[in-house]
């Protein structure tokens, strides 16, 4: 079974945790790191410790912002760990991946989930143009 690490700035990871638990409270392979919220905690070290813990398993790291400091720390570890990093996550993507029942998630499955999540970001007002809003 794949292990997931959701790492975000501030407390966004907690929001994902609450949402995942809302849909399925029995999921045990998702781990959360709220980065840079406590000066006593070292985010890079915390991430590395989780990767060490799951060294023999597939690990997929999900981060909030491409190019952000959380994502950069994850990218620094790719060379030392066999992990996949997906950035710019949204709830649709997270749920699609963490509820996947495959023992190992393929790159193709990840790419498809990313494409589907990207397509779910829409400006609703444009969809409603020309429609009668009372309908």
C-alpha atoms as a PDB file:
ATOM      1  CA  UNK A   1       0.000   0.000   0.000  1.00  0.00           C
ATOM      2  CA  UNK A   2       1.288   3.451  -0.880  1.00  0.00           C
ATOM      3  CA  UNK A   3       2.044   5.944   1.848  1.00  0.00           C
ATOM      4  CA  UNK A   4       1.049   9.574   1.382  1.00  0.00           C
ATOM      5  CA  UNK A   5       2.568  12.612   3.000  1.00  0.00           C
ATOM      6  CA  UNK A   6       0.545  15.806   2.717  1.00  0.00           C
ATOM      7  CA  UNK A   7       2.863  18.705   3.501  1.00  0.00           C
ATOM      8  CA  UNK A   8       1.649  22.289   3.381  1.00  0.00           C
ATOM      9  CA  UNK A   9       2.372  25.762   4.629  1.00  0.00           C
ATOM     10  CA  UNK A  10       0.669  26.584   7.913  1.00  0.00           C
ATOM     11  CA  UNK A  11      -2.337  24.441   8.871  1.00  0.00           C
ATOM     12  CA  UNK A  12      -3.667  23.537   5.421  1.00  0.00           C
ATOM     13  CA  UNK A  13      -2.550  19.919   5.932  1.00  0.00           C
ATOM     14  CA  UNK A  14      -4.925  19.745   8.906  1.00  0.00           C
ATOM     15  CA  UNK A  15      -7.749  20.829   6.617  1.00  0.00           C
ATOM     16  CA  UNK A  16      -6.950  17.968   4.246  1.00  0.00           C
ATOM     17  CA  UNK A  17      -6.787  15.610   7.220  1.00  0.00           C
ATOM     18  CA  UNK A  18     -10.248  16.674   8.395  1.00  0.00           C
ATOM     19  CA  UNK A  19     -11.694  16.362   4.902  1.00  0.00           C
ATOM     20  CA  UNK A  20     -10.189  12.925   4.275  1.00  0.00           C
ATOM     21  CA  UNK A  21     -11.503  11.728   7.645  1.00  0.00           C
ATOM     22  CA  UNK A  22     -14.947  13.079   6.734  1.00  0.00           C
ATOM     23  CA  UNK A  23     -15.036  10.838   3.658  1.00  0.00           C
ATOM     24  CA  UNK A  24     -13.199   7.846   5.162  1.00  0.00           C
ATOM     25  CA  UNK A  25     -12.079   7.869   8.775  1.00  0.00           C
ATOM     26  CA  UNK A  26     -10.343   4.487   8.526  1.00  0.00           C
ATOM     27  CA  UNK A  27      -7.522   5.615   6.232  1.00  0.00           C
ATOM     28  CA  UNK A  28      -4.179   5.003   7.939  1.00  0.00           C
ATOM     29  CA  UNK A  29      -1.653   5.529   5.144  1.00  0.00           C
ATOM     30  CA  UNK A  30      -1.882   9.335   4.978  1.00  0.00           C
ATOM     31  CA  UNK A  31       0.442  11.485   7.070  1.00  0.00           C
ATOM     32  CA  UNK A  32       0.247  15.230   7.523  1.00  0.00           C
ATOM     33  CA  UNK A  33       2.828  17.923   8.115  1.00  0.00           C
ATOM     34  CA  UNK A  34       1.877  21.523   8.854  1.00  0.00           C
ATOM     35  CA  UNK A  35       5.119  23.273   7.932  1.00  0.00           C
ATOM     36  CA  UNK A  36       6.540  26.378   9.568  1.00  0.00           C
ATOM     37  CA  UNK A  37       3.921  26.664  12.320  1.00  0.00           C
ATOM     38  CA  UNK A  38       6.211  25.971  15.252  1.00  0.00           C
ATOM     39  CA  UNK A  39       9.766  27.212  15.618  1.00  0.00           C
ATOM     40  CA  UNK A  40      10.602  24.091  17.640  1.00  0.00           C
ATOM     41  CA  UNK A  41       9.792  21.786  14.722  1.00  0.00           C
ATOM     42  CA  UNK A  42      12.082  21.435  11.733  1.00  0.00           C
ATOM     43  CA  UNK A  43       9.963  20.730   8.668  1.00  0.00           C
ATOM     44  CA  UNK A  44      12.766  19.270   6.545  1.00  0.00           C
ATOM     45  CA  UNK A  45      13.787  16.935   9.351  1.00  0.00           C
ATOM     46  CA  UNK A  46      10.183  15.889   9.992  1.00  0.00           C
ATOM     47  CA  UNK A  47       9.712  15.079   6.299  1.00  0.00           C
ATOM     48  CA  UNK A  48      12.983  13.153   6.156  1.00  0.00           C
ATOM     49  CA  UNK A  49      12.001  11.130   9.254  1.00  0.00           C
ATOM     50  CA  UNK A  50       8.723  10.092   7.621  1.00  0.00           C
ATOM     51  CA  UNK A  51      10.540   9.109   4.431  1.00  0.00           C
ATOM     52  CA  UNK A  52      12.999   7.038   6.477  1.00  0.00           C
ATOM     53  CA  UNK A  53      10.080   5.314   8.194  1.00  0.00           C
ATOM     54  CA  UNK A  54       8.559   4.255   4.861  1.00  0.00           C
ATOM     55  CA  UNK A  55      11.763   3.570   2.942  1.00  0.00           C
ATOM     56  CA  UNK A  56      10.586   0.169   1.690  1.00  0.00           C
ATOM     57  CA  UNK A  57       7.179   1.452   0.523  1.00  0.00           C
ATOM     58  CA  UNK A  58       6.002   3.696  -2.273  1.00  0.00           C
ATOM     59  CA  UNK A  59       5.714   7.248  -0.934  1.00  0.00           C
ATOM     60  CA  UNK A  60       3.807  10.027  -2.642  1.00  0.00           C
ATOM     61  CA  UNK A  61       4.343  13.523  -1.261  1.00  0.00           C
ATOM     62  CA  UNK A  62       1.556  16.017  -1.918  1.00  0.00           C
ATOM     63  CA  UNK A  63       2.443  19.692  -1.469  1.00  0.00           C
ATOM     64  CA  UNK A  64       0.401  22.855  -1.699  1.00  0.00           C
ATOM     65  CA  UNK A  65       2.392  25.194  -3.959  1.00  0.00           C
ATOM     66  CA  UNK A  66       4.780  24.418  -6.819  1.00  0.00           C
ATOM     67  CA  UNK A  67       7.969  26.383  -6.216  1.00  0.00           C
ATOM     68  CA  UNK A  68       7.071  27.071  -2.588  1.00  0.00           C
ATOM     69  CA  UNK A  69       9.418  26.306   0.272  1.00  0.00           C
ATOM     70  CA  UNK A  70       7.531  23.129   1.253  1.00  0.00           C
ATOM     71  CA  UNK A  71       7.764  21.813  -2.293  1.00  0.00           C
ATOM     72  CA  UNK A  72      11.456  22.744  -2.547  1.00  0.00           C
ATOM     73  CA  UNK A  73      12.249  20.738   0.588  1.00  0.00           C
ATOM     74  CA  UNK A  74      10.415  17.733  -0.874  1.00  0.00           C
ATOM     75  CA  UNK A  75      12.297  18.088  -4.159  1.00  0.00           C
ATOM     76  CA  UNK A  76      15.611  18.149  -2.292  1.00  0.00           C
ATOM     77  CA  UNK A  77      14.826  14.676  -0.965  1.00  0.00           C
ATOM     78  CA  UNK A  78      13.832  13.029  -4.265  1.00  0.00           C
ATOM     79  CA  UNK A  79      17.450  12.207  -5.059  1.00  0.00           C
ATOM     80  CA  UNK A  80      17.870  10.311  -1.784  1.00  0.00           C
ATOM     81  CA  UNK A  81      14.460   8.622  -1.618  1.00  0.00           C
ATOM     82  CA  UNK A  82      12.354   6.801  -4.166  1.00  0.00           C
ATOM     83  CA  UNK A  83       9.306   9.028  -3.868  1.00  0.00           C
ATOM     84  CA  UNK A  84       6.946  10.915  -6.100  1.00  0.00           C
ATOM     85  CA  UNK A  85       6.030  14.569  -5.533  1.00  0.00           C
ATOM     86  CA  UNK A  86       2.816  16.204  -6.708  1.00  0.00           C
ATOM     87  CA  UNK A  87       2.327  19.908  -6.074  1.00  0.00           C
ATOM     88  CA  UNK A  88      -0.546  22.372  -6.394  1.00  0.00           C
ATOM     89  CA  UNK A  89      -2.969  19.906  -4.848  1.00  0.00           C
ATOM     90  CA  UNK A  90      -6.702  20.301  -4.356  1.00  0.00           C
ATOM     91  CA  UNK A  91      -9.195  18.160  -2.492  1.00  0.00           C
ATOM     92  CA  UNK A  92     -10.378  16.337  -5.631  1.00  0.00           C
ATOM     93  CA  UNK A  93      -6.847  15.211  -6.408  1.00  0.00           C
ATOM     94  CA  UNK A  94      -6.060  14.240  -2.831  1.00  0.00           C
ATOM     95  CA  UNK A  95      -9.200  12.117  -2.483  1.00  0.00           C
ATOM     96  CA  UNK A  96      -8.636  10.461  -5.865  1.00  0.00           C
ATOM     97  CA  UNK A  97      -5.127   9.397  -4.875  1.00  0.00           C
ATOM     98  CA  UNK A  98      -5.534   8.464  -1.213  1.00  0.00           C
ATOM     99  CA  UNK A  99      -8.653   6.393  -1.868  1.00  0.00           C
ATOM    100  CA  UNK A 100      -6.953   4.461  -4.652  1.00  0.00           C
ATOM    101  CA  UNK A 101      -6.878   0.793  -3.703  1.00  0.00           C
ATOM    102  CA  UNK A 102      -3.937  -0.238  -5.908  1.00  0.00           C
ATOM    103  CA  UNK A 103      -0.935  -1.560  -3.988  1.00  0.00           C
ATOM    104  CA  UNK A 104       1.334   0.722  -5.974  1.00  0.00           C
ATOM    105  CA  UNK A 105       0.111   3.780  -7.847  1.00  0.00           C
ATOM    106  CA  UNK A 106       1.547   4.155 -11.330  1.00  0.00           C
ATOM    107  CA  UNK A 107       2.827   7.386 -12.816  1.00  0.00           C
ATOM    108  CA  UNK A 108       0.016   7.139 -15.357  1.00  0.00           C
ATOM    109  CA  UNK A 109      -2.607   6.960 -12.593  1.00  0.00           C
ATOM    110  CA  UNK A 110      -1.081  10.035 -10.950  1.00  0.00           C
ATOM    111  CA  UNK A 111      -1.033  11.954 -14.257  1.00  0.00           C
ATOM    112  CA  UNK A 112      -4.672  11.052 -14.938  1.00  0.00           C
ATOM    113  CA  UNK A 113      -5.710  12.151 -11.439  1.00  0.00           C
ATOM    114  CA  UNK A 114      -3.849  15.456 -11.889  1.00  0.00           C
ATOM    115  CA  UNK A 115      -5.577  16.066 -15.234  1.00  0.00           C
ATOM    116  CA  UNK A 116      -8.993  15.283 -13.769  1.00  0.00           C
ATOM    117  CA  UNK A 117      -8.394  17.570 -10.778  1.00  0.00           C
ATOM    118  CA  UNK A 118      -7.190  20.351 -13.062  1.00  0.00           C
ATOM    119  CA  UNK A 119     -10.398  20.053 -15.100  1.00  0.00           C
ATOM    120  CA  UNK A 120     -12.491  20.464 -11.960  1.00  0.00           C
ATOM    121  CA  UNK A 121     -11.209  23.993 -11.401  1.00  0.00           C
ATOM    122  CA  UNK A 122     -13.811  26.132 -13.123  1.00  0.00           C
ATOM    123  CA  UNK A 123     -15.148  29.679 -13.044  1.00  0.00           C
ATOM    124  CA  UNK A 124     -18.818  28.904 -12.472  1.00  0.00           C
ATOM    125  CA  UNK A 125     -20.019  32.340 -13.638  1.00  0.00           C
ATOM    126  CA  UNK A 126     -18.714  31.570 -17.131  1.00  0.00           C
ATOM    127  CA  UNK A 127     -20.641  28.300 -17.137  1.00  0.00           C
ATOM    128  CA  UNK A 128     -23.806  30.132 -16.251  1.00  0.00           C
ATOM    129  CA  UNK A 129     -23.525  32.859 -18.921  1.00  0.00           C
ATOM    130  CA  UNK A 130     -26.607  32.809 -21.077  1.00  0.00           C
ATOM    131  CA  UNK A 131     -28.428  30.456 -18.721  1.00  0.00           C
ATOM    132  CA  UNK A 132     -31.462  31.573 -16.799  1.00  0.00           C
ATOM    133  CA  UNK A 133     -30.206  31.641 -13.206  1.00  0.00           C
ATOM    134  CA  UNK A 134     -33.730  30.975 -11.935  1.00  0.00           C
ATOM    135  CA  UNK A 135     -33.774  27.496 -13.520  1.00  0.00           C
END
